[in-house]
PDB file of N, CA and C in Angstrom:
ATOM      1  N   UNK A   1       4.354  31.760 -13.635  1.00  0.00           N
ATOM      2  CA  UNK A   1       5.068  31.212 -14.764  1.00  0.00           C
ATOM      3  C   UNK A   1       6.514  30.937 -14.356  1.00  0.00           C
ATOM      4  N   UNK A   2       6.980  29.753 -14.641  1.00  0.00           N
ATOM      5  CA  UNK A   2       8.339  29.364 -14.287  1.00  0.00           C
ATOM      6  C   UNK A   2       9.322  29.839 -15.353  1.00  0.00           C
ATOM      7  N   UNK A   3      10.470  30.278 -14.906  1.00  0.00           N
ATOM      8  CA  UNK A   3      11.528  30.660 -15.837  1.00  0.00           C
ATOM      9  C   UNK A   3      12.291  29.415 -16.267  1.00  0.00           C
ATOM     10  N   UNK A   4      13.201  29.595 -17.190  1.00  0.00           N
ATOM     11  CA  UNK A   4      14.000  28.472 -17.682  1.00  0.00           C
ATOM     12  C   UNK A   4      14.874  27.893 -16.576  1.00  0.00           C
ATOM     13  N   UNK A   5      15.428  28.774 -15.737  1.00  0.00           N
ATOM     14  CA  UNK A   5      16.255  28.303 -14.630  1.00  0.00           C
ATOM     15  C   UNK A   5      15.431  27.504 -13.630  1.00  0.00           C
ATOM     16  N   UNK A   6      14.213  27.959 -13.355  1.00  0.00           N
ATOM     17  CA  UNK A   6      13.344  27.231 -12.431  1.00  0.00           C
ATOM     18  C   UNK A   6      12.973  25.852 -12.977  1.00  0.00           C
ATOM     19  N   UNK A   7      12.668  25.794 -14.270  1.00  0.00           N
ATOM     20  CA  UNK A   7      12.333  24.502 -14.865  1.00  0.00           C
ATOM     21  C   UNK A   7      13.526  23.553 -14.852  1.00  0.00           C
ATOM     22  N   UNK A   8      14.723  24.089 -15.098  1.00  0.00           N
ATOM     23  CA  UNK A   8      15.917  23.254 -15.047  1.00  0.00           C
ATOM     24  C   UNK A   8      16.168  22.758 -13.630  1.00  0.00           C
ATOM     25  N   UNK A   9      15.953  23.605 -12.652  1.00  0.00           N
ATOM     26  CA  UNK A   9      16.123  23.204 -11.251  1.00  0.00           C
ATOM     27  C   UNK A   9      15.115  22.130 -10.868  1.00  0.00           C
ATOM     28  N   UNK A  10      13.850  22.297 -11.271  1.00  0.00           N
ATOM     29  CA  UNK A  10      12.843  21.278 -10.980  1.00  0.00           C
ATOM     30  C   UNK A  10      13.122  19.980 -11.731  1.00  0.00           C
ATOM     31  N   UNK A  11      13.695  20.081 -12.915  1.00  0.00           N
ATOM     32  CA  UNK A  11      14.056  18.870 -13.664  1.00  0.00           C
ATOM     33  C   UNK A  11      15.155  18.097 -12.941  1.00  0.00           C
ATOM     34  N   UNK A  12      16.127  18.799 -12.383  1.00  0.00           N
ATOM     35  CA  UNK A  12      17.200  18.128 -11.638  1.00  0.00           C
ATOM     36  C   UNK A  12      16.641  17.499 -10.366  1.00  0.00           C
ATOM     37  N   UNK A  13      15.760  18.232  -9.677  1.00  0.00           N
ATOM     38  CA  UNK A  13      15.126  17.672  -8.476  1.00  0.00           C
ATOM     39  C   UNK A  13      14.291  16.446  -8.838  1.00  0.00           C
ATOM     40  N   UNK A  14      13.562  16.521  -9.959  1.00  0.00           N
ATOM     41  CA  UNK A  14      12.771  15.377 -10.406  1.00  0.00           C
ATOM     42  C   UNK A  14      13.616  14.176 -10.759  1.00  0.00           C
ATOM     43  N   UNK A  15      14.761  14.416 -11.371  1.00  0.00           N
ATOM     44  CA  UNK A  15      15.673  13.322 -11.702  1.00  0.00           C
ATOM     45  C   UNK A  15      16.182  12.650 -10.434  1.00  0.00           C
ATOM     46  N   UNK A  16      16.570  13.435  -9.456  1.00  0.00           N
ATOM     47  CA  UNK A  16      17.075  12.864  -8.195  1.00  0.00           C
ATOM     48  C   UNK A  16      15.973  12.136  -7.426  1.00  0.00           C
ATOM     49  N   UNK A  17      14.757  12.689  -7.423  1.00  0.00           N
ATOM     50  CA  UNK A  17      13.652  12.010  -6.739  1.00  0.00           C
ATOM     51  C   UNK A  17      13.262  10.711  -7.443  1.00  0.00           C
ATOM     52  N   UNK A  18      13.311  10.708  -8.761  1.00  0.00           N
ATOM     53  CA  UNK A  18      12.973   9.488  -9.501  1.00  0.00           C
ATOM     54  C   UNK A  18      14.001   8.399  -9.252  1.00  0.00           C
ATOM     55  N   UNK A  19      15.278   8.773  -9.256  1.00  0.00           N
ATOM     56  CA  UNK A  19      16.325   7.782  -8.998  1.00  0.00           C
ATOM     57  C   UNK A  19      16.216   7.238  -7.584  1.00  0.00           C
ATOM     58  N   UNK A  20      15.984   8.100  -6.602  1.00  0.00           N
ATOM     59  CA  UNK A  20      15.881   7.614  -5.221  1.00  0.00           C
ATOM     60  C   UNK A  20      14.580   6.864  -4.983  1.00  0.00           C
ATOM     61  N   UNK A  21      13.516   7.209  -5.718  1.00  0.00           N
ATOM     62  CA  UNK A  21      12.241   6.524  -5.552  1.00  0.00           C
ATOM     63  C   UNK A  21      12.238   5.099  -6.067  1.00  0.00           C
ATOM     64  N   UNK A  22      13.176   4.762  -6.940  1.00  0.00           N
ATOM     65  CA  UNK A  22      13.265   3.399  -7.465  1.00  0.00           C
ATOM     66  C   UNK A  22      13.598   2.411  -6.355  1.00  0.00           C
ATOM     67  N   UNK A  23      14.411   2.846  -5.413  1.00  0.00           N
ATOM     68  CA  UNK A  23      14.932   1.938  -4.398  1.00  0.00           C
ATOM     69  C   UNK A  23      14.090   1.895  -3.132  1.00  0.00           C
ATOM     70  N   UNK A  24      12.983   2.629  -3.073  1.00  0.00           N
ATOM     71  CA  UNK A  24      12.107   2.639  -1.896  1.00  0.00           C
ATOM     72  C   UNK A  24      10.788   1.988  -2.280  1.00  0.00           C
ATOM     73  N   UNK A  25      10.495   0.869  -1.666  1.00  0.00           N
ATOM     74  CA  UNK A  25       9.276   0.130  -1.995  1.00  0.00           C
ATOM     75  C   UNK A  25       8.172   0.480  -1.000  1.00  0.00           C
ATOM     76  N   UNK A  26       6.957   0.635  -1.490  1.00  0.00           N
ATOM     77  CA  UNK A  26       5.815   0.999  -0.663  1.00  0.00           C
ATOM     78  C   UNK A  26       5.328  -0.247   0.080  1.00  0.00           C
ATOM     79  N   UNK A  27       5.095  -0.099   1.386  1.00  0.00           N
ATOM     80  CA  UNK A  27       4.642  -1.220   2.209  1.00  0.00           C
ATOM     81  C   UNK A  27       3.544  -0.755   3.163  1.00  0.00           C
ATOM     82  N   UNK A  28       2.738  -1.708   3.621  1.00  0.00           N
ATOM     83  CA  UNK A  28       1.651  -1.435   4.565  1.00  0.00           C
ATOM     84  C   UNK A  28       1.827  -2.348   5.775  1.00  0.00           C
ATOM     85  N   UNK A  29       1.773  -1.772   6.983  1.00  0.00           N
ATOM     86  CA  UNK A  29       1.833  -2.633   8.174  1.00  0.00           C
ATOM     87  C   UNK A  29       0.452  -3.196   8.506  1.00  0.00           C
ATOM     88  N   UNK A  30       0.399  -4.468   8.858  1.00  0.00           N
ATOM     89  CA  UNK A  30      -0.828  -5.125   9.298  1.00  0.00           C
ATOM     90  C   UNK A  30      -0.616  -5.661  10.704  1.00  0.00           C
ATOM     91  N   UNK A  31      -1.119  -4.953  11.728  1.00  0.00           N
ATOM     92  CA  UNK A  31      -0.955  -5.470  13.090  1.00  0.00           C
ATOM     93  C   UNK A  31      -1.904  -6.638  13.333  1.00  0.00           C
ATOM     94  N   UNK A  32      -1.488  -7.521  14.195  1.00  0.00           N
ATOM     95  CA  UNK A  32      -2.363  -8.637  14.560  1.00  0.00           C
ATOM     96  C   UNK A  32      -3.428  -8.145  15.530  1.00  0.00           C
ATOM     97  N   UNK A  33      -4.558  -8.802  15.553  1.00  0.00           N
ATOM     98  CA  UNK A  33      -5.663  -8.379  16.406  1.00  0.00           C
ATOM     99  C   UNK A  33      -5.736  -9.192  17.692  1.00  0.00           C
ATOM    100  N   UNK A  34      -4.658  -9.834  18.063  1.00  0.00           N
ATOM    101  CA  UNK A  34      -4.627 -10.628  19.292  1.00  0.00           C
ATOM    102  C   UNK A  34      -4.402  -9.712  20.489  1.00  0.00           C
ATOM    103  N   UNK A  35      -4.984 -10.093  21.612  1.00  0.00           N
ATOM    104  CA  UNK A  35      -4.795  -9.322  22.836  1.00  0.00           C
ATOM    105  C   UNK A  35      -3.967 -10.137  23.790  1.00  0.00           C
ATOM    106  N   UNK A  36      -3.001  -9.695  24.476  1.00  0.00           N
ATOM    107  CA  UNK A  36      -2.498  -8.325  24.493  1.00  0.00           C
ATOM    108  C   UNK A  36      -1.703  -8.023  23.226  1.00  0.00           C
ATOM    109  N   UNK A  37      -1.706  -6.761  22.856  1.00  0.00           N
ATOM    110  CA  UNK A  37      -1.049  -6.346  21.625  1.00  0.00           C
ATOM    111  C   UNK A  37       0.457  -6.501  21.754  1.00  0.00           C
ATOM    112  N   UNK A  38       1.016  -7.291  20.876  1.00  0.00           N
ATOM    113  CA  UNK A  38       2.454  -7.506  20.846  1.00  0.00           C
ATOM    114  C   UNK A  38       2.994  -6.819  19.592  1.00  0.00           C
ATOM    115  N   UNK A  39       3.751  -5.747  19.785  1.00  0.00           N
ATOM    116  CA  UNK A  39       4.218  -4.940  18.662  1.00  0.00           C
ATOM    117  C   UNK A  39       5.260  -5.661  17.822  1.00  0.00           C
ATOM    118  N   UNK A  40       5.747  -6.791  18.292  1.00  0.00           N
ATOM    119  CA  UNK A  40       6.705  -7.530  17.490  1.00  0.00           C
ATOM    120  C   UNK A  40       6.010  -8.432  16.478  1.00  0.00           C
ATOM    121  N   UNK A  41       4.695  -8.491  16.501  1.00  0.00           N
ATOM    122  CA  UNK A  41       3.947  -9.324  15.570  1.00  0.00           C
ATOM    123  C   UNK A  41       3.307  -8.516  14.435  1.00  0.00           C
ATOM    124  N   UNK A  42       3.804  -7.345  14.164  1.00  0.00           N
ATOM    125  CA  UNK A  42       3.261  -6.552  13.067  1.00  0.00           C
ATOM    126  C   UNK A  42       3.858  -7.059  11.761  1.00  0.00           C
ATOM    127  N   UNK A  43       2.981  -7.519  10.888  1.00  0.00           N
ATOM    128  CA  UNK A  43       3.419  -7.990   9.577  1.00  0.00           C
ATOM    129  C   UNK A  43       3.467  -6.807   8.612  1.00  0.00           C
ATOM    130  N   UNK A  44       4.486  -6.771   7.818  1.00  0.00           N
ATOM    131  CA  UNK A  44       4.628  -5.721   6.819  1.00  0.00           C
ATOM    132  C   UNK A  44       4.528  -6.366   5.448  1.00  0.00           C
ATOM    133  N   UNK A  45       3.554  -5.910   4.670  1.00  0.00           N
ATOM    134  CA  UNK A  45       3.319  -6.444   3.331  1.00  0.00           C
ATOM    135  C   UNK A  45       3.656  -5.375   2.300  1.00  0.00           C
ATOM    136  N   UNK A  46       4.467  -5.740   1.329  1.00  0.00           N
ATOM    137  CA  UNK A  46       4.806  -4.790   0.282  1.00  0.00           C
ATOM    138  C   UNK A  46       3.705  -4.764  -0.772  1.00  0.00           C
ATOM    139  N   UNK A  47       3.530  -3.617  -1.398  1.00  0.00           N
ATOM    140  CA  UNK A  47       2.495  -3.456  -2.413  1.00  0.00           C
ATOM    141  C   UNK A  47       2.990  -3.743  -3.823  1.00  0.00           C
ATOM    142  N   UNK A  48       4.285  -3.939  -3.975  1.00  0.00           N
ATOM    143  CA  UNK A  48       4.825  -4.270  -5.284  1.00  0.00           C
ATOM    144  C   UNK A  48       5.104  -3.065  -6.158  1.00  0.00           C
ATOM    145  N   UNK A  49       4.997  -1.862  -5.619  1.00  0.00           N
ATOM    146  CA  UNK A  49       5.309  -0.649  -6.375  1.00  0.00           C
ATOM    147  C   UNK A  49       6.350   0.149  -5.607  1.00  0.00           C
ATOM    148  N   UNK A  50       7.032   1.023  -6.304  1.00  0.00           N
ATOM    149  CA  UNK A  50       8.029   1.869  -5.652  1.00  0.00           C
ATOM    150  C   UNK A  50       7.511   3.301  -5.590  1.00  0.00           C
ATOM    151  N   UNK A  51       8.264   4.160  -4.947  1.00  0.00           N
ATOM    152  CA  UNK A  51       7.889   5.566  -4.847  1.00  0.00           C
ATOM    153  C   UNK A  51       8.227   6.350  -6.109  1.00  0.00           C
ATOM    154  N   UNK A  52       8.669   5.660  -7.127  1.00  0.00           N
ATOM    155  CA  UNK A  52       9.040   6.305  -8.379  1.00  0.00           C
ATOM    156  C   UNK A  52       7.830   6.993  -9.019  1.00  0.00           C
ATOM    157  N   UNK A  53       6.694   6.354  -9.002  1.00  0.00           N
ATOM    158  CA  UNK A  53       5.496   6.932  -9.611  1.00  0.00           C
ATOM    159  C   UNK A  53       5.092   8.205  -8.878  1.00  0.00           C
ATOM    160  N   UNK A  54       5.167   8.184  -7.557  1.00  0.00           N
ATOM    161  CA  UNK A  54       4.856   9.375  -6.772  1.00  0.00           C
ATOM    162  C   UNK A  54       5.807  10.519  -7.056  1.00  0.00           C
ATOM    163  N   UNK A  55       7.079  10.208  -7.226  1.00  0.00           N
ATOM    164  CA  UNK A  55       8.072  11.249  -7.538  1.00  0.00           C
ATOM    165  C   UNK A  55       7.815  11.842  -8.914  1.00  0.00           C
ATOM    166  N   UNK A  56       7.455  11.012  -9.864  1.00  0.00           N
ATOM    167  CA  UNK A  56       7.185  11.493 -11.220  1.00  0.00           C
ATOM    168  C   UNK A  56       5.975  12.421 -11.231  1.00  0.00           C
ATOM    169  N   UNK A  57       4.917  12.030 -10.558  1.00  0.00           N
ATOM    170  CA  UNK A  57       3.709  12.855 -10.531  1.00  0.00           C
ATOM    171  C   UNK A  57       3.902  14.122  -9.709  1.00  0.00           C
ATOM    172  N   UNK A  58       4.697  14.052  -8.659  1.00  0.00           N
ATOM    173  CA  UNK A  58       4.968  15.235  -7.847  1.00  0.00           C
ATOM    174  C   UNK A  58       5.700  16.299  -8.657  1.00  0.00           C
ATOM    175  N   UNK A  59       6.687  15.902  -9.413  1.00  0.00           N
ATOM    176  CA  UNK A  59       7.426  16.867 -10.226  1.00  0.00           C
ATOM    177  C   UNK A  59       6.537  17.421 -11.334  1.00  0.00           C
ATOM    178  N   UNK A  60       5.651  16.612 -11.864  1.00  0.00           N
ATOM    179  CA  UNK A  60       4.723  17.112 -12.877  1.00  0.00           C
ATOM    180  C   UNK A  60       3.781  18.164 -12.319  1.00  0.00           C
ATOM    181  N   UNK A  61       3.360  17.992 -11.076  1.00  0.00           N
ATOM    182  CA  UNK A  61       2.452  18.958 -10.453  1.00  0.00           C
ATOM    183  C   UNK A  61       3.172  20.210  -9.984  1.00  0.00           C
ATOM    184  N   UNK A  62       4.321  20.067  -9.365  1.00  0.00           N
ATOM    185  CA  UNK A  62       5.015  21.203  -8.763  1.00  0.00           C
ATOM    186  C   UNK A  62       5.871  21.941  -9.786  1.00  0.00           C
ATOM    187  N   UNK A  63       6.633  21.200 -10.566  1.00  0.00           N
ATOM    188  CA  UNK A  63       7.563  21.830 -11.494  1.00  0.00           C
ATOM    189  C   UNK A  63       6.978  22.135 -12.854  1.00  0.00           C
ATOM    190  N   UNK A  64       5.867  21.543 -13.187  1.00  0.00           N
ATOM    191  CA  UNK A  64       5.266  21.755 -14.501  1.00  0.00           C
ATOM    192  C   UNK A  64       5.589  20.621 -15.448  1.00  0.00           C
ATOM    193  N   UNK A  65       4.845  20.616 -16.561  1.00  0.00           N
ATOM    194  CA  UNK A  65       4.998  19.490 -17.485  1.00  0.00           C
ATOM    195  C   UNK A  65       6.336  19.514 -18.217  1.00  0.00           C
ATOM    196  N   UNK A  66       6.896  20.694 -18.485  1.00  0.00           N
ATOM    197  CA  UNK A  66       8.194  20.745 -19.171  1.00  0.00           C
ATOM    198  C   UNK A  66       9.314  20.217 -18.288  1.00  0.00           C
ATOM    199  N   UNK A  67       9.327  20.637 -17.028  1.00  0.00           N
ATOM    200  CA  UNK A  67      10.361  20.157 -16.104  1.00  0.00           C
ATOM    201  C   UNK A  67      10.194  18.669 -15.836  1.00  0.00           C
ATOM    202  N   UNK A  68       8.953  18.209 -15.737  1.00  0.00           N
ATOM    203  CA  UNK A  68       8.716  16.788 -15.513  1.00  0.00           C
ATOM    204  C   UNK A  68       9.158  15.936 -16.683  1.00  0.00           C
ATOM    205  N   UNK A  69       8.822  16.371 -17.887  1.00  0.00           N
ATOM    206  CA  UNK A  69       9.238  15.609 -19.068  1.00  0.00           C
ATOM    207  C   UNK A  69      10.750  15.633 -19.233  1.00  0.00           C
ATOM    208  N   UNK A  70      11.378  16.783 -18.959  1.00  0.00           N
ATOM    209  CA  UNK A  70      12.829  16.878 -19.072  1.00  0.00           C
ATOM    210  C   UNK A  70      13.532  15.977 -18.063  1.00  0.00           C
ATOM    211  N   UNK A  71      12.976  15.892 -16.851  1.00  0.00           N
ATOM    212  CA  UNK A  71      13.590  15.024 -15.840  1.00  0.00           C
ATOM    213  C   UNK A  71      13.489  13.560 -16.237  1.00  0.00           C
ATOM    214  N   UNK A  72      12.394  13.166 -16.851  1.00  0.00           N
ATOM    215  CA  UNK A  72      12.237  11.765 -17.235  1.00  0.00           C
ATOM    216  C   UNK A  72      13.046  11.416 -18.479  1.00  0.00           C
ATOM    217  N   UNK A  73      13.202  12.371 -19.383  1.00  0.00           N
ATOM    218  CA  UNK A  73      14.079  12.138 -20.528  1.00  0.00           C
ATOM    219  C   UNK A  73      15.516  11.977 -20.054  1.00  0.00           C
ATOM    220  N   UNK A  74      15.920  12.819 -19.091  1.00  0.00           N
ATOM    221  CA  UNK A  74      17.274  12.693 -18.531  1.00  0.00           C
ATOM    222  C   UNK A  74      17.433  11.369 -17.800  1.00  0.00           C
ATOM    223  N   UNK A  75      16.378  10.904 -17.127  1.00  0.00           N
ATOM    224  CA  UNK A  75      16.409   9.621 -16.429  1.00  0.00           C
ATOM    225  C   UNK A  75      16.597   8.465 -17.412  1.00  0.00           C
ATOM    226  N   UNK A  76      15.875   8.510 -18.524  1.00  0.00           N
ATOM    227  CA  UNK A  76      16.001   7.455 -19.531  1.00  0.00           C
ATOM    228  C   UNK A  76      17.379   7.476 -20.186  1.00  0.00           C
ATOM    229  N   UNK A  77      17.881   8.663 -20.494  1.00  0.00           N
ATOM    230  CA  UNK A  77      19.204   8.764 -21.117  1.00  0.00           C
ATOM    231  C   UNK A  77      20.278   8.280 -20.159  1.00  0.00           C
ATOM    232  N   UNK A  78      20.142   8.645 -18.894  1.00  0.00           N
ATOM    233  CA  UNK A  78      21.114   8.213 -17.890  1.00  0.00           C
ATOM    234  C   UNK A  78      21.103   6.695 -17.730  1.00  0.00           C
ATOM    235  N   UNK A  79      19.913   6.096 -17.688  1.00  0.00           N
ATOM    236  CA  UNK A  79      19.819   4.652 -17.545  1.00  0.00           C
ATOM    237  C   UNK A  79      20.282   3.892 -18.771  1.00  0.00           C
ATOM    238  N   UNK A  80      19.939   4.397 -19.951  1.00  0.00           N
ATOM    239  CA  UNK A  80      20.345   3.712 -21.180  1.00  0.00           C
ATOM    240  C   UNK A  80      21.830   3.876 -21.475  1.00  0.00           C
ATOM    241  N   UNK A  81      22.456   4.889 -20.874  1.00  0.00           N
ATOM    242  CA  UNK A  81      23.890   5.072 -21.093  1.00  0.00           C
ATOM    243  C   UNK A  81      24.735   4.127 -20.243  1.00  0.00           C
ATOM    244  N   UNK A  82      24.109   3.383 -19.344  1.00  0.00           N
ATOM    245  CA  UNK A  82      24.846   2.370 -18.594  1.00  0.00           C
ATOM    246  C   UNK A  82      24.847   2.553 -17.093  1.00  0.00           C
ATOM    247  N   UNK A  83      24.356   3.681 -16.599  1.00  0.00           N
ATOM    248  CA  UNK A  83      24.290   3.891 -15.153  1.00  0.00           C
ATOM    249  C   UNK A  83      23.164   3.028 -14.593  1.00  0.00           C
ATOM    250  N   UNK A  84      23.411   2.347 -13.488  1.00  0.00           N
ATOM    251  CA  UNK A  84      22.458   1.388 -12.920  1.00  0.00           C
ATOM    252  C   UNK A  84      21.367   2.097 -12.115  1.00  0.00           C
ATOM    253  N   UNK A  85      20.461   2.820 -12.794  1.00  0.00           N
ATOM    254  CA  UNK A  85      19.398   3.540 -12.100  1.00  0.00           C
ATOM    255  C   UNK A  85      18.036   2.891 -12.276  1.00  0.00           C
ATOM    256  N   UNK A  86      17.908   1.954 -13.199  1.00  0.00           N
ATOM    257  CA  UNK A  86      16.648   1.238 -13.369  1.00  0.00           C
ATOM    258  C   UNK A  86      16.546   0.130 -12.327  1.00  0.00           C
ATOM    259  N   UNK A  87      15.364  -0.416 -12.175  1.00  0.00           N
ATOM    260  CA  UNK A  87      15.146  -1.448 -11.167  1.00  0.00           C
ATOM    261  C   UNK A  87      15.995  -2.683 -11.412  1.00  0.00           C
ATOM    262  N   UNK A  88      16.112  -3.091 -12.646  1.00  0.00           N
ATOM    263  CA  UNK A  88      16.866  -4.294 -12.979  1.00  0.00           C
ATOM    264  C   UNK A  88      18.196  -3.981 -13.645  1.00  0.00           C
ATOM    265  N   UNK A  89      18.758  -2.813 -13.361  1.00  0.00           N
ATOM    266  CA  UNK A  89      20.062  -2.480 -13.907  1.00  0.00           C
ATOM    267  C   UNK A  89      20.015  -1.282 -14.820  1.00  0.00           C
ATOM    268  N   UNK A  90      20.639  -1.396 -15.946  1.00  0.00           N
ATOM    269  CA  UNK A  90      20.711  -0.308 -16.915  1.00  0.00           C
ATOM    270  C   UNK A  90      21.474  -0.761 -18.133  1.00  0.00           C
ATOM    271  N   UNK A  91      21.702   0.142 -19.031  1.00  0.00           N
ATOM    272  CA  UNK A  91      22.431  -0.181 -20.246  1.00  0.00           C
ATOM    273  C   UNK A  91      21.546  -0.073 -21.468  1.00  0.00           C
ATOM    274  N   UNK A  92      22.159  -0.121 -22.620  1.00  0.00           N
ATOM    275  CA  UNK A  92      21.435   0.063 -23.873  1.00  0.00           C
ATOM    276  C   UNK A  92      20.487  -1.096 -24.179  1.00  0.00           C
ATOM    277  N   UNK A  93      20.781  -2.267 -23.681  1.00  0.00           N
ATOM    278  CA  UNK A  93      19.899  -3.415 -23.943  1.00  0.00           C
ATOM    279  C   UNK A  93      18.661  -3.424 -23.046  1.00  0.00           C
ATOM    280  N   UNK A  94      18.516  -2.436 -22.181  1.00  0.00           N
ATOM    281  CA  UNK A  94      17.361  -2.405 -21.275  1.00  0.00           C
ATOM    282  C   UNK A  94      16.058  -2.110 -22.020  1.00  0.00           C
ATOM    283  N   UNK A  95      16.134  -1.581 -23.222  1.00  0.00           N
ATOM    284  CA  UNK A  95      14.916  -1.298 -23.970  1.00  0.00           C
ATOM    285  C   UNK A  95      14.170  -2.577 -24.336  1.00  0.00           C
ATOM    286  N   UNK A  96      14.825  -3.738 -24.227  1.00  0.00           N
ATOM    287  CA  UNK A  96      14.179  -5.008 -24.517  1.00  0.00           C
ATOM    288  C   UNK A  96      13.439  -5.576 -23.312  1.00  0.00           C
ATOM    289  N   UNK A  97      13.602  -4.982 -22.154  1.00  0.00           N
ATOM    290  CA  UNK A  97      12.910  -5.447 -20.951  1.00  0.00           C
ATOM    291  C   UNK A  97      11.422  -5.102 -21.035  1.00  0.00           C
ATOM    292  N   UNK A  98      10.568  -5.909 -20.421  1.00  0.00           N
ATOM    293  CA  UNK A  98       9.131  -5.615 -20.456  1.00  0.00           C
ATOM    294  C   UNK A  98       8.752  -4.327 -19.722  1.00  0.00           C
ATOM    295  N   UNK A  99       9.542  -3.916 -18.758  1.00  0.00           N
ATOM    296  CA  UNK A  99       9.191  -2.723 -17.987  1.00  0.00           C
ATOM    297  C   UNK A  99       9.668  -1.432 -18.633  1.00  0.00           C
ATOM    298  N   UNK A 100      10.328  -1.499 -19.772  1.00  0.00           N
ATOM    299  CA  UNK A 100      10.823  -0.281 -20.403  1.00  0.00           C
ATOM    300  C   UNK A 100       9.678   0.573 -20.952  1.00  0.00           C
ATOM    301  N   UNK A 101       8.623  -0.045 -21.421  1.00  0.00           N
ATOM    302  CA  UNK A 101       7.461   0.713 -21.880  1.00  0.00           C
ATOM    303  C   UNK A 101       6.801   1.490 -20.759  1.00  0.00           C
ATOM    304  N   UNK A 102       6.849   0.934 -19.564  1.00  0.00           N
ATOM    305  CA  UNK A 102       6.352   1.622 -18.378  1.00  0.00           C
ATOM    306  C   UNK A 102       7.164   2.882 -18.122  1.00  0.00           C
ATOM    307  N   UNK A 103       8.480   2.783 -18.296  1.00  0.00           N
ATOM    308  CA  UNK A 103       9.346   3.948 -18.107  1.00  0.00           C
ATOM    309  C   UNK A 103       9.146   4.981 -19.212  1.00  0.00           C
ATOM    310  N   UNK A 104       8.884   4.538 -20.427  1.00  0.00           N
ATOM    311  CA  UNK A 104       8.613   5.468 -21.523  1.00  0.00           C
ATOM    312  C   UNK A 104       7.329   6.251 -21.284  1.00  0.00           C
ATOM    313  N   UNK A 105       6.387   5.654 -20.603  1.00  0.00           N
ATOM    314  CA  UNK A 105       5.122   6.327 -20.305  1.00  0.00           C
ATOM    315  C   UNK A 105       5.249   7.466 -19.320  1.00  0.00           C
ATOM    316  N   UNK A 106       6.358   7.544 -18.610  1.00  0.00           N
ATOM    317  CA  UNK A 106       6.571   8.656 -17.690  1.00  0.00           C
ATOM    318  C   UNK A 106       6.760   9.977 -18.433  1.00  0.00           C
ATOM    319  N   UNK A 107       7.351   9.942 -19.607  1.00  0.00           N
ATOM    320  CA  UNK A 107       7.635  11.191 -20.351  1.00  0.00           C
ATOM    321  C   UNK A 107       6.367  11.933 -20.754  1.00  0.00           C
ATOM    322  N   UNK A 108       5.416  11.320 -21.466  1.00  0.00           N
ATOM    323  CA  UNK A 108       4.212  12.080 -21.808  1.00  0.00           C
ATOM    324  C   UNK A 108       3.199  12.160 -20.678  1.00  0.00           C
ATOM    325  N   UNK A 109       3.405  11.429 -19.616  1.00  0.00           N
ATOM    326  CA  UNK A 109       2.454  11.428 -18.504  1.00  0.00           C
ATOM    327  C   UNK A 109       2.334  12.741 -17.787  1.00  0.00           C
ATOM    328  N   UNK A 110       3.330  13.621 -17.922  1.00  0.00           N
ATOM    329  CA  UNK A 110       3.267  14.912 -17.246  1.00  0.00           C
ATOM    330  C   UNK A 110       2.304  15.870 -17.905  1.00  0.00           C
ATOM    331  N   UNK A 111       2.001  15.653 -19.165  1.00  0.00           N
ATOM    332  CA  UNK A 111       1.067  16.522 -19.847  1.00  0.00           C
ATOM    333  C   UNK A 111      -0.359  16.323 -19.386  1.00  0.00           C
ATOM    334  N   UNK A 112      -0.653  15.219 -18.721  1.00  0.00           N
ATOM    335  CA  UNK A 112      -1.993  14.923 -18.264  1.00  0.00           C
ATOM    336  C   UNK A 112      -2.216  15.304 -16.807  1.00  0.00           C
ATOM    337  N   UNK A 113      -1.187  15.819 -16.139  1.00  0.00           N
ATOM    338  CA  UNK A 113      -1.319  16.226 -14.748  1.00  0.00           C
ATOM    339  C   UNK A 113      -2.022  17.564 -14.701  1.00  0.00           C
ATOM    340  N   UNK A 114      -3.120  17.633 -13.964  1.00  0.00           N
ATOM    341  CA  UNK A 114      -3.902  18.865 -13.858  1.00  0.00           C
ATOM    342  C   UNK A 114      -3.466  19.600 -12.602  1.00  0.00           C
ATOM    343  N   UNK A 115      -3.093  20.859 -12.767  1.00  0.00           N
ATOM    344  CA  UNK A 115      -2.668  21.661 -11.617  1.00  0.00           C
ATOM    345  C   UNK A 115      -3.820  22.515 -11.149  1.00  0.00           C
TER     346      UNK A 115
END
C-alpha cells in the first residue's frame, strides 16, 4: 500500500514523464534488403504517436490509479494555465482542439489498469 507521500512522488514523476513523452515520437527503422548491406540506407518511419501514452500507462501501473490520475490532472491544469506542454501549444483555448478529448481520457484511464 502506497502512502500519501509515495503517491505524491509518483504523481510528480508521472507529470514529468508525460511532459517529456510528448516530445518523443515513436519510430521504426526499416533496413533495405539490398546486398551488400549499406547502413546509410535505413529508412525510419514514424508511427504517428508519442511516448506520452506509454508514460501515462506506466505511472498507472507502478504508482497506482490515484497517483496516475493526479499526475494527469496536474498535466491538464498546467497546460490549460498557459504553459506550452501540449503537442500544439497550451492555454485556456486548447479545450477547443480536437485532441483535448484524448487528453481528458488520460485521467480516468488509470482506473482500468490492472496490476
